[in-house]
């Protein structure tokens, strides 16, 4: 059953939406209001894999606010607590506008083994998108390594996927491109088989 929660973080009104799946990998979109396509991508991939998704949006906000990821790990968000207790590993989806010539997908986060597993499945998107796992090649602000970043708060930590605009939106729409959806679905399923993480199946 889908659950929602209204809350404020740093004075910004937010809506958190949790869609529980079977226990296993969780798809997270912390900045669904400001990083177009990430909310839709998290929900779509989670449903396809039977995984859990947690999405934060700012309904009605004329100018949505970007809250740093580490500031999103608040104790007063009941759905974030439920998400972190439910899933052992997180795939957190973000958007970036860096290096728009090569359209890199940066795979950061604390679980480097999981990042490499995910990268192998995302490689089908090359050469349209460049898959980057080397932390030295990822801009410092996009590495997702802060200890309070929610991607690192689950038992096995997780992978922070930073997507360029063409990898998360289609034209003027926030609908994610189908090839990216399919690659992420394959990646989440492979993570479940490789780690293994129970509860995510084909």
N, C-alpha and C. Protein backbone atom coordinates (compact mmCIF):
# COMPACT_ATOMS: atom_id res chain seq x y z
N UNK A 1 0.83 -1.19 0.00
CA UNK A 1 0.00 0.00 0.00
C UNK A 1 0.88 1.25 0.00
N UNK A 2 0.58 2.18 -0.89
CA UNK A 2 1.33 3.42 -0.97
C UNK A 2 1.02 4.29 0.24
N UNK A 3 2.07 4.82 0.84
CA UNK A 3 1.93 5.70 2.01
C UNK A 3 2.54 7.05 1.69
N UNK A 4 1.95 8.11 2.22
CA UNK A 4 2.47 9.45 2.01
C UNK A 4 2.64 10.15 3.36
N UNK A 5 3.52 11.14 3.35
CA UNK A 5 3.79 11.90 4.57
C UNK A 5 4.16 13.33 4.18
N UNK A 6 3.49 14.31 4.79
CA UNK A 6 3.85 15.71 4.62
C UNK A 6 4.81 16.09 5.76
N UNK A 7 5.88 16.77 5.41
CA UNK A 7 6.87 17.17 6.41
C UNK A 7 7.61 18.39 5.92
N UNK A 8 8.41 18.96 6.81
CA UNK A 8 9.29 20.07 6.44
C UNK A 8 10.73 19.71 6.77
N UNK A 9 11.64 20.07 5.87
CA UNK A 9 13.07 19.94 6.11
C UNK A 9 13.70 21.28 5.77
N UNK A 10 14.43 21.85 6.71
CA UNK A 10 15.03 23.18 6.53
C UNK A 10 14.00 24.21 6.10
N UNK A 11 12.78 24.08 6.64
CA UNK A 11 11.72 25.02 6.34
C UNK A 11 11.03 24.82 5.00
N UNK A 12 11.39 23.77 4.28
CA UNK A 12 10.82 23.50 2.95
C UNK A 12 9.74 22.43 3.07
N UNK A 13 8.49 22.72 2.68
CA UNK A 13 7.44 21.69 2.71
C UNK A 13 7.70 20.61 1.66
N UNK A 14 7.60 19.37 2.08
CA UNK A 14 7.85 18.22 1.20
C UNK A 14 6.74 17.20 1.32
N UNK A 15 6.59 16.42 0.27
CA UNK A 15 5.73 15.25 0.30
C UNK A 15 6.59 14.02 0.04
N UNK A 16 6.60 13.10 0.99
CA UNK A 16 7.31 11.83 0.83
C UNK A 16 6.30 10.76 0.45
N UNK A 17 6.63 9.96 -0.56
CA UNK A 17 5.74 8.89 -1.01
C UNK A 17 6.52 7.58 -1.01
N UNK A 18 6.05 6.64 -0.20
CA UNK A 18 6.68 5.33 -0.07
C UNK A 18 5.78 4.28 -0.70
N UNK A 19 6.34 3.53 -1.67
CA UNK A 19 5.61 2.41 -2.27
C UNK A 19 6.37 1.14 -1.94
N UNK A 20 5.92 0.41 -0.92
CA UNK A 20 6.66 -0.79 -0.50
C UNK A 20 6.58 -1.89 -1.55
N UNK A 21 7.71 -2.54 -1.75
CA UNK A 21 7.75 -3.75 -2.56
C UNK A 21 8.14 -4.90 -1.65
N UNK A 22 8.56 -5.98 -2.26
CA UNK A 22 9.12 -7.04 -1.44
C UNK A 22 10.44 -6.55 -0.86
N UNK A 23 10.86 -7.12 0.27
CA UNK A 23 12.12 -6.69 0.89
C UNK A 23 13.25 -6.84 -0.11
N UNK A 24 14.14 -5.91 -0.16
CA UNK A 24 15.25 -5.98 -1.10
C UNK A 24 15.80 -4.59 -1.39
N UNK A 25 16.18 -4.36 -2.61
CA UNK A 25 16.77 -3.09 -3.01
C UNK A 25 15.71 -1.99 -2.99
N UNK A 26 16.13 -0.80 -2.57
CA UNK A 26 15.23 0.34 -2.56
C UNK A 26 15.66 1.38 -3.59
N UNK A 27 14.70 1.96 -4.30
CA UNK A 27 14.94 3.05 -5.22
C UNK A 27 14.54 4.35 -4.54
N UNK A 28 15.45 5.32 -4.56
CA UNK A 28 15.27 6.56 -3.81
C UNK A 28 15.41 7.75 -4.75
N UNK A 29 14.51 8.73 -4.62
CA UNK A 29 14.63 10.00 -5.35
C UNK A 29 14.42 11.11 -4.32
N UNK A 30 15.52 11.67 -3.85
CA UNK A 30 15.45 12.70 -2.82
C UNK A 30 15.01 14.05 -3.37
N UNK A 31 15.28 14.28 -4.66
CA UNK A 31 15.05 15.61 -5.25
C UNK A 31 14.10 15.52 -6.44
N UNK A 32 13.01 14.79 -6.25
CA UNK A 32 12.07 14.60 -7.33
C UNK A 32 11.47 15.89 -7.87
N UNK A 33 11.46 16.95 -7.04
CA UNK A 33 10.85 18.21 -7.47
C UNK A 33 11.80 19.05 -8.30
N UNK A 34 13.09 18.85 -8.15
CA UNK A 34 14.05 19.74 -8.80
C UNK A 34 14.94 19.03 -9.82
N UNK A 35 14.96 17.71 -9.80
CA UNK A 35 15.79 16.95 -10.73
C UNK A 35 14.85 16.10 -11.58
N UNK A 36 14.34 16.73 -12.64
CA UNK A 36 13.27 16.17 -13.45
C UNK A 36 13.53 14.74 -13.90
N UNK A 37 12.50 13.93 -13.80
CA UNK A 37 12.56 12.54 -14.24
C UNK A 37 13.02 11.55 -13.19
N UNK A 38 13.67 12.02 -12.13
CA UNK A 38 14.19 11.07 -11.14
C UNK A 38 13.07 10.41 -10.35
N UNK A 39 12.02 11.15 -10.04
CA UNK A 39 10.90 10.56 -9.31
C UNK A 39 10.23 9.48 -10.15
N UNK A 40 9.95 9.82 -11.41
CA UNK A 40 9.29 8.86 -12.30
C UNK A 40 10.17 7.64 -12.52
N UNK A 41 11.47 7.85 -12.64
CA UNK A 41 12.38 6.75 -12.89
C UNK A 41 12.45 5.81 -11.68
N UNK A 42 12.53 6.38 -10.48
CA UNK A 42 12.58 5.56 -9.26
C UNK A 42 11.32 4.71 -9.13
N UNK A 43 10.17 5.34 -9.34
CA UNK A 43 8.91 4.61 -9.18
C UNK A 43 8.75 3.52 -10.25
N UNK A 44 9.10 3.84 -11.48
CA UNK A 44 8.94 2.89 -12.58
C UNK A 44 9.85 1.68 -12.41
N UNK A 45 11.13 1.94 -12.12
CA UNK A 45 12.08 0.83 -11.97
C UNK A 45 11.70 -0.04 -10.77
N UNK A 46 11.30 0.59 -9.66
CA UNK A 46 10.91 -0.18 -8.48
C UNK A 46 9.72 -1.09 -8.77
N UNK A 47 8.73 -0.56 -9.46
CA UNK A 47 7.55 -1.38 -9.78
C UNK A 47 7.91 -2.53 -10.69
N UNK A 48 8.77 -2.28 -11.67
CA UNK A 48 9.17 -3.34 -12.59
C UNK A 48 9.94 -4.46 -11.89
N UNK A 49 10.66 -4.10 -10.82
CA UNK A 49 11.50 -5.08 -10.12
C UNK A 49 10.85 -5.62 -8.85
N UNK A 50 9.68 -5.10 -8.49
CA UNK A 50 9.08 -5.49 -7.22
C UNK A 50 9.83 -4.94 -6.04
N UNK A 51 10.57 -3.85 -6.25
CA UNK A 51 11.36 -3.23 -5.18
C UNK A 51 10.56 -2.13 -4.50
N UNK A 52 11.16 -1.52 -3.50
CA UNK A 52 10.54 -0.43 -2.75
C UNK A 52 11.04 0.90 -3.28
N UNK A 53 10.15 1.89 -3.37
CA UNK A 53 10.58 3.23 -3.78
C UNK A 53 10.18 4.26 -2.73
N UNK A 54 11.02 5.27 -2.59
CA UNK A 54 10.72 6.43 -1.74
C UNK A 54 11.08 7.68 -2.53
N UNK A 55 10.09 8.55 -2.71
CA UNK A 55 10.26 9.74 -3.55
C UNK A 55 9.84 10.97 -2.76
N UNK A 56 10.66 12.02 -2.85
CA UNK A 56 10.35 13.30 -2.23
C UNK A 56 10.04 14.33 -3.31
N UNK A 57 8.90 15.02 -3.18
CA UNK A 57 8.51 16.07 -4.10
C UNK A 57 8.08 17.30 -3.31
N UNK A 58 7.80 18.38 -4.03
CA UNK A 58 7.36 19.63 -3.42
C UNK A 58 6.13 20.14 -4.16
N UNK A 59 4.98 19.47 -3.97
CA UNK A 59 3.77 19.84 -4.71
C UNK A 59 3.40 21.31 -4.49
N UNK A 60 3.08 21.99 -5.56
CA UNK A 60 2.62 23.36 -5.46
C UNK A 60 3.71 24.40 -5.31
N UNK A 61 4.95 23.99 -5.21
CA UNK A 61 6.05 24.95 -5.04
C UNK A 61 6.31 25.67 -6.36
N UNK A 62 6.25 27.01 -6.35
CA UNK A 62 6.52 27.77 -7.56
C UNK A 62 7.98 27.63 -7.97
N UNK A 63 8.86 27.64 -6.98
CA UNK A 63 10.29 27.48 -7.23
C UNK A 63 10.81 26.40 -6.27
N UNK A 64 10.85 25.14 -6.71
CA UNK A 64 11.33 24.07 -5.81
C UNK A 64 12.75 24.33 -5.33
N UNK A 65 13.02 23.87 -4.12
CA UNK A 65 14.30 24.10 -3.45
C UNK A 65 15.10 22.81 -3.44
N UNK A 66 16.39 22.94 -3.74
CA UNK A 66 17.29 21.79 -3.66
C UNK A 66 17.90 21.74 -2.26
N UNK A 67 17.57 20.69 -1.52
CA UNK A 67 18.12 20.49 -0.18
C UNK A 67 19.26 19.49 -0.30
N UNK A 68 20.44 19.79 0.22
CA UNK A 68 21.55 18.83 0.13
C UNK A 68 21.15 17.47 0.68
N UNK A 69 21.63 16.42 0.04
CA UNK A 69 21.23 15.06 0.40
C UNK A 69 21.44 14.77 1.88
N UNK A 70 22.58 15.19 2.42
CA UNK A 70 22.87 14.90 3.83
C UNK A 70 21.88 15.56 4.77
N UNK A 71 21.22 16.66 4.32
CA UNK A 71 20.23 17.34 5.14
C UNK A 71 18.88 16.63 5.10
N UNK A 72 18.73 15.70 4.15
CA UNK A 72 17.46 14.98 4.02
C UNK A 72 17.34 13.84 5.03
N UNK A 73 18.43 13.47 5.66
CA UNK A 73 18.41 12.35 6.62
C UNK A 73 17.92 12.84 7.97
N UNK A 74 16.64 13.15 8.05
CA UNK A 74 16.06 13.70 9.28
C UNK A 74 15.33 12.61 10.06
N UNK A 75 15.44 12.68 11.36
CA UNK A 75 14.80 11.67 12.21
C UNK A 75 13.28 11.77 12.20
N UNK A 76 12.76 12.96 11.87
CA UNK A 76 11.31 13.14 11.98
C UNK A 76 10.55 12.67 10.73
N UNK A 77 11.25 12.11 9.75
CA UNK A 77 10.55 11.57 8.57
C UNK A 77 10.30 10.08 8.79
N UNK A 78 9.06 9.74 9.11
CA UNK A 78 8.72 8.35 9.42
C UNK A 78 8.91 7.44 8.21
N UNK A 79 8.62 7.94 7.01
CA UNK A 79 8.74 7.10 5.82
C UNK A 79 10.19 6.85 5.45
N UNK A 80 11.07 7.80 5.71
CA UNK A 80 12.49 7.55 5.48
C UNK A 80 12.98 6.48 6.46
N UNK A 81 12.56 6.55 7.70
CA UNK A 81 12.94 5.52 8.67
C UNK A 81 12.44 4.16 8.21
N UNK A 82 11.20 4.11 7.75
CA UNK A 82 10.63 2.84 7.30
C UNK A 82 11.40 2.29 6.09
N UNK A 83 11.77 3.16 5.18
CA UNK A 83 12.54 2.76 4.00
C UNK A 83 13.88 2.19 4.41
N UNK A 84 14.60 2.87 5.29
CA UNK A 84 15.93 2.43 5.70
C UNK A 84 15.88 1.12 6.48
N UNK A 85 14.80 0.91 7.20
CA UNK A 85 14.65 -0.34 7.94
C UNK A 85 14.26 -1.49 7.02
N UNK A 86 13.59 -1.16 5.91
CA UNK A 86 13.04 -2.20 5.05
C UNK A 86 14.05 -2.75 4.05
N UNK A 87 14.91 -1.87 3.53
CA UNK A 87 15.80 -2.30 2.43
C UNK A 87 17.25 -2.33 2.90
N UNK A 88 18.04 -3.32 2.47
CA UNK A 88 19.44 -3.39 2.85
C UNK A 88 20.36 -2.59 1.94
N UNK A 89 19.91 -2.29 0.72
CA UNK A 89 20.77 -1.58 -0.24
C UNK A 89 19.93 -0.60 -1.04
N UNK A 90 20.48 0.59 -1.30
CA UNK A 90 19.75 1.66 -1.96
C UNK A 90 20.39 2.01 -3.30
N UNK A 91 19.54 2.25 -4.29
CA UNK A 91 19.96 2.90 -5.53
C UNK A 91 19.27 4.26 -5.55
N UNK A 92 20.06 5.31 -5.37
CA UNK A 92 19.52 6.66 -5.23
C UNK A 92 19.73 7.42 -6.53
N UNK A 93 18.64 7.92 -7.11
CA UNK A 93 18.67 8.56 -8.42
C UNK A 93 18.68 10.07 -8.30
N UNK A 94 19.64 10.70 -8.96
CA UNK A 94 19.80 12.15 -8.93
C UNK A 94 19.99 12.67 -10.35
N UNK A 95 19.90 13.99 -10.50
CA UNK A 95 20.15 14.60 -11.79
C UNK A 95 21.29 15.61 -11.71
N UNK A 96 22.04 15.72 -12.79
CA UNK A 96 23.12 16.71 -12.84
C UNK A 96 23.15 17.36 -14.22
N UNK A 97 23.88 18.48 -14.30
CA UNK A 97 24.03 19.21 -15.56
C UNK A 97 25.50 19.42 -15.88
N UNK A 98 26.36 18.52 -15.38
CA UNK A 98 27.80 18.65 -15.61
C UNK A 98 28.20 18.03 -16.95
N UNK A 99 29.23 18.56 -17.55
CA UNK A 99 29.88 17.97 -18.73
C UNK A 99 28.84 17.49 -19.74
N UNK A 100 28.04 18.44 -20.23
CA UNK A 100 26.92 18.07 -21.08
C UNK A 100 27.34 17.57 -22.46
N UNK A 101 28.61 17.73 -22.80
CA UNK A 101 29.07 17.23 -24.10
C UNK A 101 29.10 15.71 -24.15
N UNK A 102 29.56 15.08 -23.06
CA UNK A 102 29.69 13.61 -23.07
C UNK A 102 28.55 12.90 -22.34
N UNK A 103 27.66 13.66 -21.70
CA UNK A 103 26.52 13.08 -20.99
C UNK A 103 26.91 11.92 -20.07
N UNK A 104 27.77 12.17 -19.07
CA UNK A 104 28.19 11.08 -18.19
C UNK A 104 27.11 10.68 -17.19
N UNK A 105 27.02 9.39 -16.91
CA UNK A 105 26.27 8.86 -15.77
C UNK A 105 27.30 8.53 -14.70
N UNK A 106 27.26 9.26 -13.59
CA UNK A 106 28.21 9.06 -12.51
C UNK A 106 27.63 8.09 -11.50
N UNK A 107 28.39 7.05 -11.15
CA UNK A 107 27.94 6.06 -10.17
C UNK A 107 28.80 6.21 -8.91
N UNK A 108 28.28 6.92 -7.93
CA UNK A 108 28.96 7.11 -6.67
C UNK A 108 28.31 6.26 -5.59
N UNK A 109 28.36 6.75 -4.35
CA UNK A 109 27.80 6.01 -3.23
C UNK A 109 28.81 5.11 -2.56
N UNK A 110 28.48 4.64 -1.36
CA UNK A 110 29.42 3.92 -0.53
C UNK A 110 29.66 2.47 -0.90
N UNK A 111 28.75 1.86 -1.68
CA UNK A 111 28.93 0.46 -2.04
C UNK A 111 29.55 0.39 -3.43
N UNK A 112 30.88 0.32 -3.47
CA UNK A 112 31.57 0.36 -4.76
C UNK A 112 31.38 -0.93 -5.57
N UNK A 113 31.26 -2.06 -4.88
CA UNK A 113 31.01 -3.31 -5.60
C UNK A 113 29.67 -3.25 -6.31
N UNK A 114 28.66 -2.71 -5.65
CA UNK A 114 27.34 -2.58 -6.27
C UNK A 114 27.39 -1.60 -7.44
N UNK A 115 28.19 -0.55 -7.31
CA UNK A 115 28.32 0.42 -8.41
C UNK A 115 28.87 -0.25 -9.67
N UNK A 116 29.83 -1.15 -9.50
CA UNK A 116 30.42 -1.84 -10.64
C UNK A 116 29.43 -2.82 -11.28
N UNK A 117 28.63 -3.48 -10.46
CA UNK A 117 27.60 -4.39 -10.98
C UNK A 117 26.60 -3.59 -11.81
N UNK A 118 26.16 -2.47 -11.27
CA UNK A 118 25.19 -1.63 -11.97
C UNK A 118 25.78 -1.08 -13.25
N UNK A 119 27.06 -0.70 -13.20
CA UNK A 119 27.72 -0.13 -14.38
C UNK A 119 27.75 -1.11 -15.54
N UNK A 120 27.93 -2.39 -15.26
CA UNK A 120 27.99 -3.38 -16.34
C UNK A 120 26.67 -3.45 -17.11
N UNK A 121 25.56 -3.29 -16.40
CA UNK A 121 24.26 -3.30 -17.08
C UNK A 121 23.98 -1.98 -17.78
N UNK A 122 24.44 -0.87 -17.20
CA UNK A 122 24.23 0.44 -17.82
C UNK A 122 25.11 0.64 -19.04
N UNK A 123 26.11 -0.21 -19.22
CA UNK A 123 27.02 -0.07 -20.35
C UNK A 123 26.30 -0.17 -21.70
N UNK A 124 25.10 -0.75 -21.72
CA UNK A 124 24.34 -0.83 -22.98
C UNK A 124 23.96 0.56 -23.49
N UNK A 125 24.03 1.56 -22.62
CA UNK A 125 23.66 2.93 -23.00
C UNK A 125 24.80 3.66 -23.69
N UNK A 126 26.01 3.09 -23.66
CA UNK A 126 27.13 3.71 -24.36
C UNK A 126 27.01 3.45 -25.87
N UNK A 127 27.50 4.35 -26.74
CA UNK A 127 28.24 5.58 -26.43
C UNK A 127 27.37 6.80 -26.18
N UNK A 128 26.02 6.63 -26.23
CA UNK A 128 25.15 7.80 -26.00
C UNK A 128 25.46 8.43 -24.66
N UNK A 129 25.69 7.62 -23.64
CA UNK A 129 26.04 8.10 -22.31
C UNK A 129 27.33 7.43 -21.85
N UNK A 130 28.14 8.18 -21.15
CA UNK A 130 29.41 7.66 -20.64
C UNK A 130 29.19 7.21 -19.20
N UNK A 131 29.49 5.95 -18.89
CA UNK A 131 29.30 5.39 -17.56
C UNK A 131 30.60 5.57 -16.77
N UNK A 132 30.55 6.29 -15.66
CA UNK A 132 31.75 6.63 -14.88
C UNK A 132 31.62 6.07 -13.46
N UNK A 133 32.56 5.18 -13.08
CA UNK A 133 32.57 4.62 -11.73
C UNK A 133 33.79 5.04 -10.92
N UNK A 134 34.82 5.51 -11.59
CA UNK A 134 36.05 5.93 -10.89
C UNK A 134 35.76 7.20 -10.10
N UNK A 135 35.87 7.11 -8.78
CA UNK A 135 35.53 8.25 -7.93
C UNK A 135 36.38 9.47 -8.25
N UNK A 136 37.60 9.27 -8.69
CA UNK A 136 38.47 10.39 -9.04
C UNK A 136 37.96 11.15 -10.26
N UNK A 137 37.14 10.51 -11.07
CA UNK A 137 36.59 11.15 -12.26
C UNK A 137 35.20 11.74 -12.01
N UNK A 138 34.65 11.51 -10.83
CA UNK A 138 33.34 12.03 -10.48
C UNK A 138 33.53 13.35 -9.72
N UNK A 139 32.85 14.43 -10.12
CA UNK A 139 32.97 15.68 -9.37
C UNK A 139 32.67 15.45 -7.89
N UNK A 140 33.44 16.12 -7.03
CA UNK A 140 33.36 15.87 -5.59
C UNK A 140 31.93 15.98 -5.07
N UNK A 141 31.18 16.94 -5.56
CA UNK A 141 29.82 17.13 -5.06
C UNK A 141 28.82 16.11 -5.51
N UNK A 142 29.24 15.22 -6.41
CA UNK A 142 28.33 14.20 -6.95
C UNK A 142 28.71 12.79 -6.54
N UNK A 143 29.68 12.65 -5.65
CA UNK A 143 30.18 11.31 -5.31
C UNK A 143 29.28 10.54 -4.35
N UNK A 144 28.46 11.22 -3.59
CA UNK A 144 27.52 10.53 -2.70
C UNK A 144 28.18 9.73 -1.60
N UNK A 145 29.25 10.26 -1.03
CA UNK A 145 30.01 9.52 -0.02
C UNK A 145 29.80 10.02 1.40
N UNK A 146 29.06 11.10 1.58
CA UNK A 146 28.86 11.63 2.93
C UNK A 146 28.13 10.60 3.80
N UNK A 147 28.57 10.48 5.03
CA UNK A 147 28.02 9.46 5.92
C UNK A 147 26.54 9.69 6.23
N UNK A 148 26.06 10.93 6.09
CA UNK A 148 24.65 11.23 6.37
C UNK A 148 23.79 11.24 5.11
N UNK A 149 24.40 10.99 3.98
CA UNK A 149 23.61 10.86 2.76
C UNK A 149 22.77 9.59 2.88
N UNK A 150 21.45 9.68 2.68
CA UNK A 150 20.60 8.49 2.85
C UNK A 150 21.03 7.28 2.03
N UNK A 151 21.73 7.48 0.92
CA UNK A 151 22.17 6.33 0.12
C UNK A 151 23.13 5.45 0.91
N UNK A 152 23.77 6.00 1.91
CA UNK A 152 24.74 5.24 2.70
C UNK A 152 24.21 4.79 4.06
N UNK A 153 22.93 4.98 4.31
CA UNK A 153 22.39 4.67 5.64
C UNK A 153 21.75 3.29 5.73
N UNK A 154 21.57 2.62 4.60
CA UNK A 154 21.07 1.24 4.68
C UNK A 154 22.23 0.31 5.02
N UNK A 155 21.91 -0.92 5.37
CA UNK A 155 22.91 -1.85 5.91
C UNK A 155 24.08 -2.06 4.96
N UNK A 156 23.80 -2.15 3.67
CA UNK A 156 24.84 -2.37 2.67
C UNK A 156 25.20 -1.08 1.93
N UNK A 157 24.76 0.08 2.45
CA UNK A 157 24.95 1.36 1.76
C UNK A 157 24.30 1.26 0.38
N UNK A 158 24.90 1.89 -0.65
CA UNK A 158 24.23 1.85 -1.94
C UNK A 158 24.99 2.58 -3.01
N UNK A 159 24.28 2.82 -4.12
CA UNK A 159 24.85 3.47 -5.30
C UNK A 159 24.09 4.76 -5.56
N UNK A 160 24.81 5.87 -5.68
CA UNK A 160 24.20 7.13 -6.08
C UNK A 160 24.39 7.29 -7.58
N UNK A 161 23.30 7.30 -8.31
CA UNK A 161 23.33 7.39 -9.77
C UNK A 161 22.99 8.83 -10.16
N UNK A 162 23.98 9.53 -10.70
CA UNK A 162 23.79 10.91 -11.15
C UNK A 162 23.58 10.90 -12.66
N UNK A 163 22.38 11.31 -13.06
CA UNK A 163 21.97 11.21 -14.47
C UNK A 163 21.94 12.57 -15.14
N UNK A 164 22.53 12.69 -16.34
CA UNK A 164 22.39 13.93 -17.10
C UNK A 164 20.96 14.08 -17.59
N UNK A 165 20.59 15.28 -17.98
CA UNK A 165 19.21 15.57 -18.35
C UNK A 165 18.66 14.62 -19.42
N UNK A 166 19.39 14.32 -20.50
CA UNK A 166 18.82 13.44 -21.53
C UNK A 166 18.61 12.01 -21.08
N UNK A 167 19.21 11.61 -19.95
CA UNK A 167 19.04 10.25 -19.44
C UNK A 167 17.86 10.13 -18.49
N UNK A 168 17.22 11.26 -18.19
CA UNK A 168 16.10 11.20 -17.23
C UNK A 168 14.84 11.89 -17.71
N UNK A 169 14.89 12.59 -18.82
CA UNK A 169 13.70 13.24 -19.38
C UNK A 169 13.64 12.99 -20.87
N UNK A 170 12.43 13.14 -21.40
CA UNK A 170 12.20 12.97 -22.84
C UNK A 170 11.61 14.27 -23.38
N UNK A 171 12.42 15.06 -24.07
CA UNK A 171 11.95 16.33 -24.58
C UNK A 171 11.49 17.23 -23.44
N UNK A 172 10.27 17.74 -23.54
CA UNK A 172 9.73 18.62 -22.51
C UNK A 172 9.07 17.82 -21.39
N UNK A 173 9.09 16.51 -21.50
CA UNK A 173 8.41 15.65 -20.53
C UNK A 173 9.40 15.12 -19.49
N UNK A 174 8.89 14.86 -18.29
CA UNK A 174 9.70 14.23 -17.25
C UNK A 174 9.65 12.71 -17.34
N UNK A 175 9.03 12.18 -18.39
CA UNK A 175 9.03 10.74 -18.59
C UNK A 175 10.44 10.30 -18.97
N UNK A 176 11.02 9.34 -18.25
CA UNK A 176 12.39 8.92 -18.56
C UNK A 176 12.47 8.13 -19.85
N UNK A 177 13.60 8.20 -20.56
CA UNK A 177 13.77 7.43 -21.80
C UNK A 177 13.70 5.93 -21.52
N UNK A 178 13.03 5.20 -22.39
CA UNK A 178 12.83 3.78 -22.18
C UNK A 178 14.14 2.99 -22.10
N UNK A 179 15.16 3.30 -22.93
CA UNK A 179 16.41 2.55 -22.80
C UNK A 179 17.05 2.68 -21.42
N UNK A 180 16.91 3.84 -20.80
CA UNK A 180 17.46 4.04 -19.45
C UNK A 180 16.66 3.24 -18.43
N UNK A 181 15.35 3.24 -18.59
CA UNK A 181 14.50 2.43 -17.71
C UNK A 181 14.91 0.97 -17.79
N UNK A 182 15.05 0.45 -19.01
CA UNK A 182 15.37 -0.96 -19.18
C UNK A 182 16.74 -1.29 -18.61
N UNK A 183 17.71 -0.40 -18.80
CA UNK A 183 19.06 -0.66 -18.28
C UNK A 183 19.08 -0.65 -16.76
N UNK A 184 18.35 0.27 -16.15
CA UNK A 184 18.30 0.30 -14.69
C UNK A 184 17.55 -0.90 -14.12
N UNK A 185 16.48 -1.31 -14.79
CA UNK A 185 15.76 -2.52 -14.35
C UNK A 185 16.71 -3.71 -14.38
N UNK A 186 17.45 -3.86 -15.46
CA UNK A 186 18.41 -4.97 -15.57
C UNK A 186 19.47 -4.86 -14.49
N UNK A 187 19.91 -3.64 -14.20
CA UNK A 187 20.93 -3.45 -13.18
C UNK A 187 20.46 -3.80 -11.78
N UNK A 188 19.25 -3.38 -11.44
CA UNK A 188 18.70 -3.70 -10.12
C UNK A 188 18.51 -5.20 -9.96
N UNK A 189 18.02 -5.84 -11.01
CA UNK A 189 17.84 -7.30 -10.95
C UNK A 189 19.18 -8.01 -10.82
N UNK A 190 20.19 -7.51 -11.52
CA UNK A 190 21.52 -8.13 -11.43
C UNK A 190 22.12 -7.90 -10.05
N UNK A 191 21.89 -6.75 -9.47
CA UNK A 191 22.35 -6.51 -8.09
C UNK A 191 21.75 -7.54 -7.14
N UNK A 192 20.46 -7.81 -7.33
CA UNK A 192 19.79 -8.78 -6.46
C UNK A 192 20.38 -10.17 -6.61
N UNK A 193 20.76 -10.52 -7.85
CA UNK A 193 21.33 -11.85 -8.07
C UNK A 193 22.78 -11.93 -7.60
N UNK A 194 23.50 -10.85 -7.70
CA UNK A 194 24.94 -10.87 -7.45
C UNK A 194 25.29 -10.75 -5.98
N UNK A 195 24.54 -9.92 -5.24
CA UNK A 195 24.99 -9.59 -3.88
C UNK A 195 24.90 -10.74 -2.87
N UNK A 196 23.83 -11.52 -2.76
CA UNK A 196 22.48 -11.29 -3.28
C UNK A 196 21.67 -10.48 -2.27
N UNK A 197 20.65 -9.81 -2.78
CA UNK A 197 19.70 -9.10 -1.93
C UNK A 197 18.35 -9.77 -2.12
N UNK A 198 17.75 -10.31 -1.07
CA UNK A 198 16.50 -11.03 -1.23
C UNK A 198 15.35 -10.10 -1.63
N UNK A 199 14.41 -10.64 -2.39
CA UNK A 199 13.16 -9.95 -2.58
C UNK A 199 12.99 -9.28 -3.93
N UNK A 200 14.03 -9.18 -4.77
CA UNK A 200 13.89 -8.59 -6.09
C UNK A 200 14.07 -9.70 -7.11
N UNK A 201 13.09 -9.89 -7.95
CA UNK A 201 13.11 -11.02 -8.87
C UNK A 201 12.88 -10.55 -10.30
N UNK A 202 13.07 -11.45 -11.24
CA UNK A 202 12.81 -11.15 -12.65
C UNK A 202 11.32 -11.05 -12.89
